[in-house]
PDB file of N, CA and C in Angstrom:
ATOM      1  N   UNK A   1       0.848  -1.174   0.000  1.00  0.00           N
ATOM      2  CA  UNK A   1       0.000   0.000   0.000  1.00  0.00           C
ATOM      3  C   UNK A   1       0.893   1.238   0.000  1.00  0.00           C
ATOM      4  N   UNK A   2       0.652   2.122  -0.948  1.00  0.00           N
ATOM      5  CA  UNK A   2       1.450   3.345  -1.075  1.00  0.00           C
ATOM      6  C   UNK A   2       0.635   4.512  -0.523  1.00  0.00           C
ATOM      7  N   UNK A   3       0.914   4.868   0.724  1.00  0.00           N
ATOM      8  CA  UNK A   3       0.125   5.872   1.433  1.00  0.00           C
ATOM      9  C   UNK A   3       1.057   6.851   2.118  1.00  0.00           C
ATOM     10  N   UNK A   4       0.883   8.135   1.840  1.00  0.00           N
ATOM     11  CA  UNK A   4       1.695   9.175   2.471  1.00  0.00           C
ATOM     12  C   UNK A   4       0.785  10.281   3.002  1.00  0.00           C
ATOM     13  N   UNK A   5       1.323  11.071   3.915  1.00  0.00           N
ATOM     14  CA  UNK A   5       0.617  12.217   4.475  1.00  0.00           C
ATOM     15  C   UNK A   5       1.356  13.480   4.086  1.00  0.00           C
ATOM     16  N   UNK A   6       0.596  14.551   3.858  1.00  0.00           N
ATOM     17  CA  UNK A   6       1.211  15.801   3.448  1.00  0.00           C
ATOM     18  C   UNK A   6       0.344  16.966   3.911  1.00  0.00           C
ATOM     19  N   UNK A   7       0.996  17.996   4.421  1.00  0.00           N
ATOM     20  CA  UNK A   7       0.257  19.187   4.833  1.00  0.00           C
ATOM     21  C   UNK A   7      -0.302  19.914   3.620  1.00  0.00           C
ATOM     22  N   UNK A   8      -1.448  20.506   3.785  1.00  0.00           N
ATOM     23  CA  UNK A   8      -2.101  21.239   2.705  1.00  0.00           C
ATOM     24  C   UNK A   8      -1.286  22.453   2.273  1.00  0.00           C
ATOM     25  N   UNK A   9      -0.386  22.916   3.136  1.00  0.00           N
ATOM     26  CA  UNK A   9       0.412  24.104   2.853  1.00  0.00           C
ATOM     27  C   UNK A   9       1.698  23.782   2.096  1.00  0.00           C
ATOM     28  N   UNK A  10       1.978  22.494   1.912  1.00  0.00           N
ATOM     29  CA  UNK A  10       3.125  22.089   1.101  1.00  0.00           C
ATOM     30  C   UNK A  10       2.674  22.038  -0.355  1.00  0.00           C
ATOM     31  N   UNK A  11       3.567  22.355  -1.284  1.00  0.00           N
ATOM     32  CA  UNK A  11       3.171  22.315  -2.699  1.00  0.00           C
ATOM     33  C   UNK A  11       2.779  20.905  -3.143  1.00  0.00           C
ATOM     34  N   UNK A  12       1.751  20.836  -3.952  1.00  0.00           N
ATOM     35  CA  UNK A  12       1.351  19.564  -4.553  1.00  0.00           C
ATOM     36  C   UNK A  12       2.412  19.150  -5.564  1.00  0.00           C
ATOM     37  N   UNK A  13       2.569  17.833  -5.721  1.00  0.00           N
ATOM     38  CA  UNK A  13       3.561  17.312  -6.671  1.00  0.00           C
ATOM     39  C   UNK A  13       2.934  16.158  -7.450  1.00  0.00           C
ATOM     40  N   UNK A  14       3.429  15.934  -8.650  1.00  0.00           N
ATOM     41  CA  UNK A  14       2.951  14.806  -9.451  1.00  0.00           C
ATOM     42  C   UNK A  14       3.124  13.491  -8.700  1.00  0.00           C
ATOM     43  N   UNK A  15       4.201  13.395  -7.914  1.00  0.00           N
ATOM     44  CA  UNK A  15       4.483  12.156  -7.173  1.00  0.00           C
ATOM     45  C   UNK A  15       3.486  11.895  -6.048  1.00  0.00           C
ATOM     46  N   UNK A  16       2.612  12.873  -5.740  1.00  0.00           N
ATOM     47  CA  UNK A  16       1.600  12.682  -4.695  1.00  0.00           C
ATOM     48  C   UNK A  16       0.536  11.669  -5.100  1.00  0.00           C
ATOM     49  N   UNK A  17       0.377  11.444  -6.377  1.00  0.00           N
ATOM     50  CA  UNK A  17      -0.668  10.532  -6.828  1.00  0.00           C
ATOM     51  C   UNK A  17      -2.046  11.105  -6.554  1.00  0.00           C
ATOM     52  N   UNK A  18      -2.917  10.286  -5.982  1.00  0.00           N
ATOM     53  CA  UNK A  18      -4.300  10.670  -5.700  1.00  0.00           C
ATOM     54  C   UNK A  18      -4.332  11.444  -4.390  1.00  0.00           C
ATOM     55  N   UNK A  19      -4.715  12.719  -4.441  1.00  0.00           N
ATOM     56  CA  UNK A  19      -4.690  13.605  -3.266  1.00  0.00           C
ATOM     57  C   UNK A  19      -6.089  13.774  -2.685  1.00  0.00           C
ATOM     58  N   UNK A  20      -6.210  13.464  -1.375  1.00  0.00           N
ATOM     59  CA  UNK A  20      -7.498  13.553  -0.693  1.00  0.00           C
ATOM     60  C   UNK A  20      -7.356  14.420   0.548  1.00  0.00           C
ATOM     61  N   UNK A  21      -8.124  15.509   0.605  1.00  0.00           N
ATOM     62  CA  UNK A  21      -8.182  16.328   1.819  1.00  0.00           C
ATOM     63  C   UNK A  21      -9.050  15.597   2.826  1.00  0.00           C
ATOM     64  N   UNK A  22      -8.528  15.379   4.031  1.00  0.00           N
ATOM     65  CA  UNK A  22      -9.242  14.581   5.026  1.00  0.00           C
ATOM     66  C   UNK A  22      -9.673  15.409   6.239  1.00  0.00           C
ATOM     67  N   UNK A  23      -9.752  16.721   6.088  1.00  0.00           N
ATOM     68  CA  UNK A  23     -10.208  17.614   7.153  1.00  0.00           C
ATOM     69  C   UNK A  23     -11.638  18.048   6.884  1.00  0.00           C
ATOM     70  N   UNK A  24     -12.360  18.358   7.949  1.00  0.00           N
ATOM     71  CA  UNK A  24     -13.731  18.837   7.815  1.00  0.00           C
ATOM     72  C   UNK A  24     -13.768  20.282   7.306  1.00  0.00           C
ATOM     73  N   UNK A  25     -12.759  21.066   7.701  1.00  0.00           N
ATOM     74  CA  UNK A  25     -12.690  22.474   7.299  1.00  0.00           C
ATOM     75  C   UNK A  25     -11.638  22.653   6.207  1.00  0.00           C
ATOM     76  N   UNK A  26     -11.910  23.573   5.292  1.00  0.00           N
ATOM     77  CA  UNK A  26     -10.949  23.859   4.237  1.00  0.00           C
ATOM     78  C   UNK A  26      -9.743  24.567   4.859  1.00  0.00           C
ATOM     79  N   UNK A  27      -8.516  24.228   4.446  1.00  0.00           N
ATOM     80  CA  UNK A  27      -7.313  24.873   4.998  1.00  0.00           C
ATOM     81  C   UNK A  27      -7.294  26.375   4.682  1.00  0.00           C
ATOM     82  N   UNK A  28      -7.151  27.152   5.709  1.00  0.00           N
ATOM     83  CA  UNK A  28      -7.160  28.609   5.586  1.00  0.00           C
ATOM     84  C   UNK A  28      -6.028  29.075   4.670  1.00  0.00           C
ATOM     85  N   UNK A  29      -6.390  29.919   3.707  1.00  0.00           N
ATOM     86  CA  UNK A  29      -5.390  30.521   2.830  1.00  0.00           C
ATOM     87  C   UNK A  29      -4.922  29.663   1.670  1.00  0.00           C
ATOM     88  N   UNK A  30      -5.512  28.495   1.480  1.00  0.00           N
ATOM     89  CA  UNK A  30      -5.115  27.609   0.380  1.00  0.00           C
ATOM     90  C   UNK A  30      -6.217  27.629  -0.683  1.00  0.00           C
ATOM     91  N   UNK A  31      -5.843  28.022  -1.892  1.00  0.00           N
ATOM     92  CA  UNK A  31      -6.844  28.049  -2.969  1.00  0.00           C
ATOM     93  C   UNK A  31      -7.086  26.630  -3.480  1.00  0.00           C
ATOM     94  N   UNK A  32      -8.220  26.444  -4.107  1.00  0.00           N
ATOM     95  CA  UNK A  32      -8.534  25.125  -4.680  1.00  0.00           C
ATOM     96  C   UNK A  32      -7.533  24.769  -5.789  1.00  0.00           C
ATOM     97  N   UNK A  33      -7.113  25.760  -6.548  1.00  0.00           N
ATOM     98  CA  UNK A  33      -6.122  25.500  -7.599  1.00  0.00           C
ATOM     99  C   UNK A  33      -4.801  25.041  -6.991  1.00  0.00           C
ATOM    100  N   UNK A  34      -4.359  25.711  -5.952  1.00  0.00           N
ATOM    101  CA  UNK A  34      -3.089  25.356  -5.305  1.00  0.00           C
ATOM    102  C   UNK A  34      -3.160  23.988  -4.620  1.00  0.00           C
ATOM    103  N   UNK A  35      -4.326  23.659  -4.076  1.00  0.00           N
ATOM    104  CA  UNK A  35      -4.486  22.391  -3.356  1.00  0.00           C
ATOM    105  C   UNK A  35      -4.387  21.186  -4.293  1.00  0.00           C
ATOM    106  N   UNK A  36      -4.832  21.359  -5.523  1.00  0.00           N
ATOM    107  CA  UNK A  36      -4.796  20.273  -6.520  1.00  0.00           C
ATOM    108  C   UNK A  36      -5.278  18.939  -5.956  1.00  0.00           C
ATOM    109  N   UNK A  37      -6.478  18.958  -5.424  1.00  0.00           N
ATOM    110  CA  UNK A  37      -7.053  17.755  -4.815  1.00  0.00           C
ATOM    111  C   UNK A  37      -7.846  16.952  -5.829  1.00  0.00           C
ATOM    112  N   UNK A  38      -7.848  15.641  -5.616  1.00  0.00           N
ATOM    113  CA  UNK A  38      -8.725  14.779  -6.400  1.00  0.00           C
ATOM    114  C   UNK A  38     -10.080  14.662  -5.720  1.00  0.00           C
ATOM    115  N   UNK A  39     -10.081  14.813  -4.386  1.00  0.00           N
ATOM    116  CA  UNK A  39     -11.351  14.813  -3.666  1.00  0.00           C
ATOM    117  C   UNK A  39     -11.165  15.370  -2.263  1.00  0.00           C
ATOM    118  N   UNK A  40     -12.300  15.721  -1.672  1.00  0.00           N
ATOM    119  CA  UNK A  40     -12.346  16.222  -0.307  1.00  0.00           C
ATOM    120  C   UNK A  40     -13.250  15.265   0.460  1.00  0.00           C
ATOM    121  N   UNK A  41     -12.664  14.446   1.314  1.00  0.00           N
ATOM    122  CA  UNK A  41     -13.409  13.417   2.059  1.00  0.00           C
ATOM    123  C   UNK A  41     -13.810  13.941   3.438  1.00  0.00           C
ATOM    124  N   UNK A  42     -14.662  14.947   3.455  1.00  0.00           N
ATOM    125  CA  UNK A  42     -15.140  15.557   4.711  1.00  0.00           C
ATOM    126  C   UNK A  42     -15.783  14.547   5.644  1.00  0.00           C
ATOM    127  N   UNK A  43     -16.482  13.588   5.043  1.00  0.00           N
ATOM    128  CA  UNK A  43     -17.224  12.609   5.842  1.00  0.00           C
ATOM    129  C   UNK A  43     -16.300  11.736   6.687  1.00  0.00           C
ATOM    130  N   UNK A  44     -15.017  11.678   6.331  1.00  0.00           N
ATOM    131  CA  UNK A  44     -14.067  10.872   7.095  1.00  0.00           C
ATOM    132  C   UNK A  44     -13.356  11.676   8.186  1.00  0.00           C
ATOM    133  N   UNK A  45     -13.563  12.968   8.201  1.00  0.00           N
ATOM    134  CA  UNK A  45     -12.932  13.810   9.225  1.00  0.00           C
ATOM    135  C   UNK A  45     -13.623  13.600  10.566  1.00  0.00           C
ATOM    136  N   UNK A  46     -12.915  13.875  11.651  1.00  0.00           N
ATOM    137  CA  UNK A  46     -13.561  13.766  12.969  1.00  0.00           C
ATOM    138  C   UNK A  46     -14.745  14.734  13.061  1.00  0.00           C
ATOM    139  N   UNK A  47     -15.727  14.356  13.853  1.00  0.00           N
ATOM    140  CA  UNK A  47     -16.867  15.250  14.051  1.00  0.00           C
ATOM    141  C   UNK A  47     -16.393  16.565  14.666  1.00  0.00           C
ATOM    142  N   UNK A  48     -17.189  17.589  14.497  1.00  0.00           N
ATOM    143  CA  UNK A  48     -16.859  18.894  15.075  1.00  0.00           C
ATOM    144  C   UNK A  48     -16.678  18.778  16.581  1.00  0.00           C
ATOM    145  N   UNK A  49     -17.529  17.987  17.223  1.00  0.00           N
ATOM    146  CA  UNK A  49     -17.447  17.823  18.672  1.00  0.00           C
ATOM    147  C   UNK A  49     -16.112  17.187  19.078  1.00  0.00           C
ATOM    148  N   UNK A  50     -15.709  16.134  18.375  1.00  0.00           N
ATOM    149  CA  UNK A  50     -14.454  15.458  18.707  1.00  0.00           C
ATOM    150  C   UNK A  50     -13.262  16.371  18.415  1.00  0.00           C
ATOM    151  N   UNK A  51     -13.306  17.036  17.291  1.00  0.00           N
ATOM    152  CA  UNK A  51     -12.217  17.943  16.918  1.00  0.00           C
ATOM    153  C   UNK A  51     -12.066  19.059  17.948  1.00  0.00           C
ATOM    154  N   UNK A  52     -13.190  19.617  18.394  1.00  0.00           N
ATOM    155  CA  UNK A  52     -13.151  20.678  19.403  1.00  0.00           C
ATOM    156  C   UNK A  52     -12.620  20.165  20.732  1.00  0.00           C
ATOM    157  N   UNK A  53     -13.066  18.972  21.127  1.00  0.00           N
ATOM    158  CA  UNK A  53     -12.590  18.384  22.384  1.00  0.00           C
ATOM    159  C   UNK A  53     -11.072  18.179  22.332  1.00  0.00           C
ATOM    160  N   UNK A  54     -10.570  17.642  21.231  1.00  0.00           N
ATOM    161  CA  UNK A  54      -9.146  17.358  21.084  1.00  0.00           C
ATOM    162  C   UNK A  54      -8.329  18.645  21.105  1.00  0.00           C
ATOM    163  N   UNK A  55      -8.745  19.623  20.318  1.00  0.00           N
ATOM    164  CA  UNK A  55      -8.057  20.905  20.275  1.00  0.00           C
ATOM    165  C   UNK A  55      -6.574  20.803  19.956  1.00  0.00           C
ATOM    166  N   UNK A  56      -6.159  19.759  19.283  1.00  0.00           N
ATOM    167  CA  UNK A  56      -4.757  19.521  18.913  1.00  0.00           C
ATOM    168  C   UNK A  56      -3.832  19.508  20.125  1.00  0.00           C
ATOM    169  N   UNK A  57      -4.356  19.020  21.242  1.00  0.00           N
ATOM    170  CA  UNK A  57      -3.568  18.886  22.474  1.00  0.00           C
ATOM    171  C   UNK A  57      -2.911  17.507  22.474  1.00  0.00           C
ATOM    172  N   UNK A  58      -1.581  17.438  22.319  1.00  0.00           N
ATOM    173  CA  UNK A  58      -0.906  16.136  22.258  1.00  0.00           C
ATOM    174  C   UNK A  58      -1.206  15.228  23.454  1.00  0.00           C
ATOM    175  N   UNK A  59      -1.482  15.795  24.601  1.00  0.00           N
ATOM    176  CA  UNK A  59      -1.788  14.961  25.772  1.00  0.00           C
ATOM    177  C   UNK A  59      -3.126  14.251  25.632  1.00  0.00           C
ATOM    178  N   UNK A  60      -3.967  14.699  24.728  1.00  0.00           N
ATOM    179  CA  UNK A  60      -5.272  14.071  24.483  1.00  0.00           C
ATOM    180  C   UNK A  60      -5.265  13.162  23.259  1.00  0.00           C
ATOM    181  N   UNK A  61      -4.111  13.048  22.598  1.00  0.00           N
ATOM    182  CA  UNK A  61      -4.082  12.342  21.316  1.00  0.00           C
ATOM    183  C   UNK A  61      -4.511  10.884  21.416  1.00  0.00           C
ATOM    184  N   UNK A  62      -4.046  10.151  22.407  1.00  0.00           N
ATOM    185  CA  UNK A  62      -4.409   8.730  22.493  1.00  0.00           C
ATOM    186  C   UNK A  62      -5.915   8.550  22.638  1.00  0.00           C
ATOM    187  N   UNK A  63      -6.548   9.351  23.470  1.00  0.00           N
ATOM    188  CA  UNK A  63      -8.011   9.263  23.624  1.00  0.00           C
ATOM    189  C   UNK A  63      -8.697   9.718  22.335  1.00  0.00           C
ATOM    190  N   UNK A  64      -8.183  10.773  21.705  1.00  0.00           N
ATOM    191  CA  UNK A  64      -8.713  11.230  20.424  1.00  0.00           C
ATOM    192  C   UNK A  64      -8.643  10.092  19.403  1.00  0.00           C
ATOM    193  N   UNK A  65      -7.490   9.422  19.365  1.00  0.00           N
ATOM    194  CA  UNK A  65      -7.277   8.308  18.434  1.00  0.00           C
ATOM    195  C   UNK A  65      -8.345   7.238  18.606  1.00  0.00           C
ATOM    196  N   UNK A  66      -8.618   6.840  19.841  1.00  0.00           N
ATOM    197  CA  UNK A  66      -9.628   5.807  20.101  1.00  0.00           C
ATOM    198  C   UNK A  66     -11.028   6.279  19.690  1.00  0.00           C
ATOM    199  N   UNK A  67     -11.361   7.491  20.053  1.00  0.00           N
ATOM    200  CA  UNK A  67     -12.695   8.021  19.710  1.00  0.00           C
ATOM    201  C   UNK A  67     -12.867   8.168  18.202  1.00  0.00           C
ATOM    202  N   UNK A  68     -11.829   8.656  17.554  1.00  0.00           N
ATOM    203  CA  UNK A  68     -11.899   8.845  16.102  1.00  0.00           C
ATOM    204  C   UNK A  68     -12.009   7.504  15.382  1.00  0.00           C
ATOM    205  N   UNK A  69     -11.307   6.509  15.847  1.00  0.00           N
ATOM    206  CA  UNK A  69     -11.422   5.183  15.241  1.00  0.00           C
ATOM    207  C   UNK A  69     -12.850   4.660  15.362  1.00  0.00           C
ATOM    208  N   UNK A  70     -13.499   4.919  16.473  1.00  0.00           N
ATOM    209  CA  UNK A  70     -14.907   4.498  16.623  1.00  0.00           C
ATOM    210  C   UNK A  70     -15.785   5.217  15.602  1.00  0.00           C
ATOM    211  N   UNK A  71     -15.498   6.493  15.366  1.00  0.00           N
ATOM    212  CA  UNK A  71     -16.255   7.221  14.348  1.00  0.00           C
ATOM    213  C   UNK A  71     -16.008   6.629  12.961  1.00  0.00           C
ATOM    214  N   UNK A  72     -14.774   6.301  12.679  1.00  0.00           N
ATOM    215  CA  UNK A  72     -14.434   5.751  11.363  1.00  0.00           C
ATOM    216  C   UNK A  72     -15.069   4.391  11.106  1.00  0.00           C
ATOM    217  N   UNK A  73     -15.394   3.676  12.160  1.00  0.00           N
ATOM    218  CA  UNK A  73     -16.018   2.356  12.002  1.00  0.00           C
ATOM    219  C   UNK A  73     -17.303   2.436  11.180  1.00  0.00           C
ATOM    220  N   UNK A  74     -17.951   3.569  11.189  1.00  0.00           N
ATOM    221  CA  UNK A  74     -19.181   3.752  10.420  1.00  0.00           C
ATOM    222  C   UNK A  74     -18.953   4.033   8.944  1.00  0.00           C
ATOM    223  N   UNK A  75     -17.700   4.046   8.515  1.00  0.00           N
ATOM    224  CA  UNK A  75     -17.367   4.376   7.119  1.00  0.00           C
ATOM    225  C   UNK A  75     -16.574   3.261   6.441  1.00  0.00           C
ATOM    226  N   UNK A  76     -16.875   2.041   6.762  1.00  0.00           N
ATOM    227  CA  UNK A  76     -16.107   0.894   6.247  1.00  0.00           C
ATOM    228  C   UNK A  76     -16.019   0.880   4.722  1.00  0.00           C
ATOM    229  N   UNK A  77     -17.117   1.140   4.061  1.00  0.00           N
ATOM    230  CA  UNK A  77     -17.123   1.102   2.595  1.00  0.00           C
ATOM    231  C   UNK A  77     -16.177   2.155   2.017  1.00  0.00           C
ATOM    232  N   UNK A  78     -16.232   3.329   2.567  1.00  0.00           N
ATOM    233  CA  UNK A  78     -15.380   4.439   2.102  1.00  0.00           C
ATOM    234  C   UNK A  78     -13.898   4.139   2.365  1.00  0.00           C
ATOM    235  N   UNK A  79     -13.609   3.538   3.516  1.00  0.00           N
ATOM    236  CA  UNK A  79     -12.234   3.166   3.845  1.00  0.00           C
ATOM    237  C   UNK A  79     -11.706   2.104   2.879  1.00  0.00           C
ATOM    238  N   UNK A  80     -12.563   1.162   2.529  1.00  0.00           N
ATOM    239  CA  UNK A  80     -12.191   0.128   1.561  1.00  0.00           C
ATOM    240  C   UNK A  80     -11.853   0.758   0.211  1.00  0.00           C
ATOM    241  N   UNK A  81     -12.626   1.747  -0.169  1.00  0.00           N
ATOM    242  CA  UNK A  81     -12.392   2.454  -1.430  1.00  0.00           C
ATOM    243  C   UNK A  81     -11.014   3.137  -1.424  1.00  0.00           C
ATOM    244  N   UNK A  82     -10.667   3.790  -0.329  1.00  0.00           N
ATOM    245  CA  UNK A  82      -9.359   4.454  -0.242  1.00  0.00           C
ATOM    246  C   UNK A  82      -8.219   3.435  -0.219  1.00  0.00           C
ATOM    247  N   UNK A  83      -8.439   2.301   0.434  1.00  0.00           N
ATOM    248  CA  UNK A  83      -7.414   1.242   0.425  1.00  0.00           C
ATOM    249  C   UNK A  83      -7.156   0.763  -0.995  1.00  0.00           C
ATOM    250  N   UNK A  84      -8.212   0.612  -1.788  1.00  0.00           N
ATOM    251  CA  UNK A  84      -8.060   0.189  -3.186  1.00  0.00           C
ATOM    252  C   UNK A  84      -7.215   1.182  -3.968  1.00  0.00           C
ATOM    253  N   UNK A  85      -7.483   2.460  -3.751  1.00  0.00           N
ATOM    254  CA  UNK A  85      -6.712   3.506  -4.437  1.00  0.00           C
ATOM    255  C   UNK A  85      -5.236   3.399  -4.054  1.00  0.00           C
ATOM    256  N   UNK A  86      -4.963   3.202  -2.760  1.00  0.00           N
ATOM    257  CA  UNK A  86      -3.575   3.114  -2.272  1.00  0.00           C
ATOM    258  C   UNK A  86      -2.868   1.849  -2.754  1.00  0.00           C
ATOM    259  N   UNK A  87      -3.618   0.828  -3.085  1.00  0.00           N
ATOM    260  CA  UNK A  87      -3.004  -0.406  -3.606  1.00  0.00           C
ATOM    261  C   UNK A  87      -2.693  -0.297  -5.092  1.00  0.00           C
ATOM    262  N   UNK A  88      -3.432   0.585  -5.785  1.00  0.00           N
ATOM    263  CA  UNK A  88      -3.211   0.771  -7.226  1.00  0.00           C
ATOM    264  C   UNK A  88      -2.138   1.812  -7.521  1.00  0.00           C
ATOM    265  N   UNK A  89      -1.898   2.706  -6.581  1.00  0.00           N
ATOM    266  CA  UNK A  89      -0.930   3.784  -6.784  1.00  0.00           C
ATOM    267  C   UNK A  89      -0.819   4.584  -5.496  1.00  0.00           C
ATOM    268  N   UNK A  90      -0.108   5.673  -5.540  1.00  0.00           N
ATOM    269  CA  UNK A  90       0.082   6.478  -4.329  1.00  0.00           C
ATOM    270  C   UNK A  90      -1.192   7.229  -3.943  1.00  0.00           C
ATOM    271  N   UNK A  91      -1.507   7.163  -2.657  1.00  0.00           N
ATOM    272  CA  UNK A  91      -2.602   7.914  -2.053  1.00  0.00           C
ATOM    273  C   UNK A  91      -1.977   8.884  -1.062  1.00  0.00           C
ATOM    274  N   UNK A  92      -2.244  10.165  -1.232  1.00  0.00           N
ATOM    275  CA  UNK A  92      -1.738  11.184  -0.316  1.00  0.00           C
ATOM    276  C   UNK A  92      -2.905  11.756   0.470  1.00  0.00           C
ATOM    277  N   UNK A  93      -2.839  11.584   1.801  1.00  0.00           N
ATOM    278  CA  UNK A  93      -3.833  12.181   2.688  1.00  0.00           C
ATOM    279  C   UNK A  93      -3.349  13.585   3.024  1.00  0.00           C
ATOM    280  N   UNK A  94      -4.146  14.566   2.666  1.00  0.00           N
ATOM    281  CA  UNK A  94      -3.789  15.966   2.848  1.00  0.00           C
ATOM    282  C   UNK A  94      -4.508  16.497   4.081  1.00  0.00           C
ATOM    283  N   UNK A  95      -3.761  17.181   4.941  1.00  0.00           N
ATOM    284  CA  UNK A  95      -4.319  17.710   6.194  1.00  0.00           C
ATOM    285  C   UNK A  95      -3.740  19.100   6.443  1.00  0.00           C
ATOM    286  N   UNK A  96      -4.378  19.883   7.319  1.00  0.00           N
ATOM    287  CA  UNK A  96      -3.932  21.243   7.584  1.00  0.00           C
ATOM    288  C   UNK A  96      -3.221  21.414   8.918  1.00  0.00           C
ATOM    289  N   UNK A  97      -3.369  20.487   9.841  1.00  0.00           N
ATOM    290  CA  UNK A  97      -2.816  20.641  11.192  1.00  0.00           C
ATOM    291  C   UNK A  97      -1.317  20.922  11.161  1.00  0.00           C
ATOM    292  N   UNK A  98      -0.872  21.751  12.089  1.00  0.00           N
ATOM    293  CA  UNK A  98       0.546  22.101  12.174  1.00  0.00           C
ATOM    294  C   UNK A  98       1.388  20.964  12.751  1.00  0.00           C
ATOM    295  N   UNK A  99       0.797  20.147  13.610  1.00  0.00           N
ATOM    296  CA  UNK A  99       1.521  19.059  14.259  1.00  0.00           C
ATOM    297  C   UNK A  99       1.448  17.812  13.373  1.00  0.00           C
ATOM    298  N   UNK A 100       2.575  17.376  12.811  1.00  0.00           N
ATOM    299  CA  UNK A 100       2.539  16.239  11.890  1.00  0.00           C
ATOM    300  C   UNK A 100       2.373  14.879  12.571  1.00  0.00           C
ATOM    301  N   UNK A 101       2.457  14.830  13.883  1.00  0.00           N
ATOM    302  CA  UNK A 101       2.349  13.561  14.600  1.00  0.00           C
ATOM    303  C   UNK A 101       1.031  13.367  15.336  1.00  0.00           C
ATOM    304  N   UNK A 102       0.316  14.442  15.607  1.00  0.00           N
ATOM    305  CA  UNK A 102      -0.909  14.375  16.414  1.00  0.00           C
ATOM    306  C   UNK A 102      -2.053  15.032  15.655  1.00  0.00           C
ATOM    307  N   UNK A 103      -2.581  14.318  14.661  1.00  0.00           N
ATOM    308  CA  UNK A 103      -3.700  14.856  13.887  1.00  0.00           C
ATOM    309  C   UNK A 103      -4.535  13.712  13.322  1.00  0.00           C
ATOM    310  N   UNK A 104      -5.673  14.053  12.768  1.00  0.00           N
ATOM    311  CA  UNK A 104      -6.600  13.047  12.267  1.00  0.00           C
ATOM    312  C   UNK A 104      -6.039  12.245  11.095  1.00  0.00           C
ATOM    313  N   UNK A 105      -5.218  12.852  10.255  1.00  0.00           N
ATOM    314  CA  UNK A 105      -4.663  12.130   9.109  1.00  0.00           C
ATOM    315  C   UNK A 105      -3.756  10.990   9.568  1.00  0.00           C
ATOM    316  N   UNK A 106      -3.054  11.178  10.667  1.00  0.00           N
ATOM    317  CA  UNK A 106      -2.193  10.120  11.220  1.00  0.00           C
ATOM    318  C   UNK A 106      -3.038   8.907  11.602  1.00  0.00           C
ATOM    319  N   UNK A 107      -4.165   9.174  12.251  1.00  0.00           N
ATOM    320  CA  UNK A 107      -5.057   8.091  12.682  1.00  0.00           C
ATOM    321  C   UNK A 107      -5.686   7.424  11.465  1.00  0.00           C
ATOM    322  N   UNK A 108      -6.158   8.218  10.535  1.00  0.00           N
ATOM    323  CA  UNK A 108      -6.779   7.661   9.328  1.00  0.00           C
ATOM    324  C   UNK A 108      -5.780   6.800   8.563  1.00  0.00           C
ATOM    325  N   UNK A 109      -4.545   7.235   8.449  1.00  0.00           N
ATOM    326  CA  UNK A 109      -3.518   6.441   7.765  1.00  0.00           C
ATOM    327  C   UNK A 109      -3.309   5.113   8.485  1.00  0.00           C
ATOM    328  N   UNK A 110      -3.294   5.140   9.800  1.00  0.00           N
ATOM    329  CA  UNK A 110      -3.146   3.902  10.578  1.00  0.00           C
ATOM    330  C   UNK A 110      -4.297   2.945  10.292  1.00  0.00           C
ATOM    331  N   UNK A 111      -5.496   3.473  10.263  1.00  0.00           N
ATOM    332  CA  UNK A 111      -6.679   2.655   9.994  1.00  0.00           C
ATOM    333  C   UNK A 111      -6.607   2.066   8.583  1.00  0.00           C
ATOM    334  N   UNK A 112      -6.192   2.855   7.623  1.00  0.00           N
ATOM    335  CA  UNK A 112      -6.093   2.357   6.249  1.00  0.00           C
ATOM    336  C   UNK A 112      -5.013   1.290   6.114  1.00  0.00           C
ATOM    337  N   UNK A 113      -3.906   1.476   6.797  1.00  0.00           N
ATOM    338  CA  UNK A 113      -2.797   0.526   6.691  1.00  0.00           C
ATOM    339  C   UNK A 113      -3.089  -0.784   7.422  1.00  0.00           C
ATOM    340  N   UNK A 114      -3.700  -0.701   8.600  1.00  0.00           N
ATOM    341  CA  UNK A 114      -3.850  -1.882   9.445  1.00  0.00           C
ATOM    342  C   UNK A 114      -5.293  -2.330   9.651  1.00  0.00           C
ATOM    343  N   UNK A 115      -6.246  -1.544   9.283  1.00  0.00           N
ATOM    344  CA  UNK A 115      -7.634  -1.851   9.607  1.00  0.00           C
ATOM    345  C   UNK A 115      -7.986  -1.259  10.950  1.00  0.00           C
ATOM    346  N   UNK A 116      -9.263  -1.294  11.299  1.00  0.00           N
ATOM    347  CA  UNK A 116      -9.717  -0.723  12.563  1.00  0.00           C
ATOM    348  C   UNK A 116      -9.240  -1.544  13.748  1.00  0.00           C
ATOM    349  N   UNK A 117      -8.755  -0.886  14.763  1.00  0.00           N
ATOM    350  CA  UNK A 117      -8.343  -1.522  16.010  1.00  0.00           C
ATOM    351  C   UNK A 117      -8.937  -0.725  17.168  1.00  0.00           C
ATOM    352  N   UNK A 118      -9.566  -1.402  18.054  1.00  0.00           N
ATOM    353  CA  UNK A 118     -10.227  -0.740  19.169  1.00  0.00           C
ATOM    354  C   UNK A 118      -9.602  -1.115  20.510  1.00  0.00           C
ATOM    355  N   UNK A 119      -8.291  -1.021  20.605  1.00  0.00           N
ATOM    356  CA  UNK A 119      -7.617  -1.360  21.856  1.00  0.00           C
ATOM    357  C   UNK A 119      -7.564  -0.175  22.780  1.00  0.00           C
TER     358      UNK A 119
END
């Protein structure tokens, strides 16, 4: 599976393959032309309530991860579709968060690579 993560503020590249924005909100200051997305998968982003609770606080990341995985469980078909794309070529999950280690795209990538885990 060829799956990478990239901030929305980094330039798009041909090597990115299929680019999917995985945030509920559009990245501030990024035009649609500059983003060069193939799709915007808002439905896979954490709910507004979960995102607000997390507030990008690294100390809450593990609990955020568990809660977000439970939310993703309701999107099995969509996750399967993204896995297929990543098996055929590169899939780039695009996100806006400043922290590259504690964000929803990290969790989504884990779910796509390994499947849902509720430990």
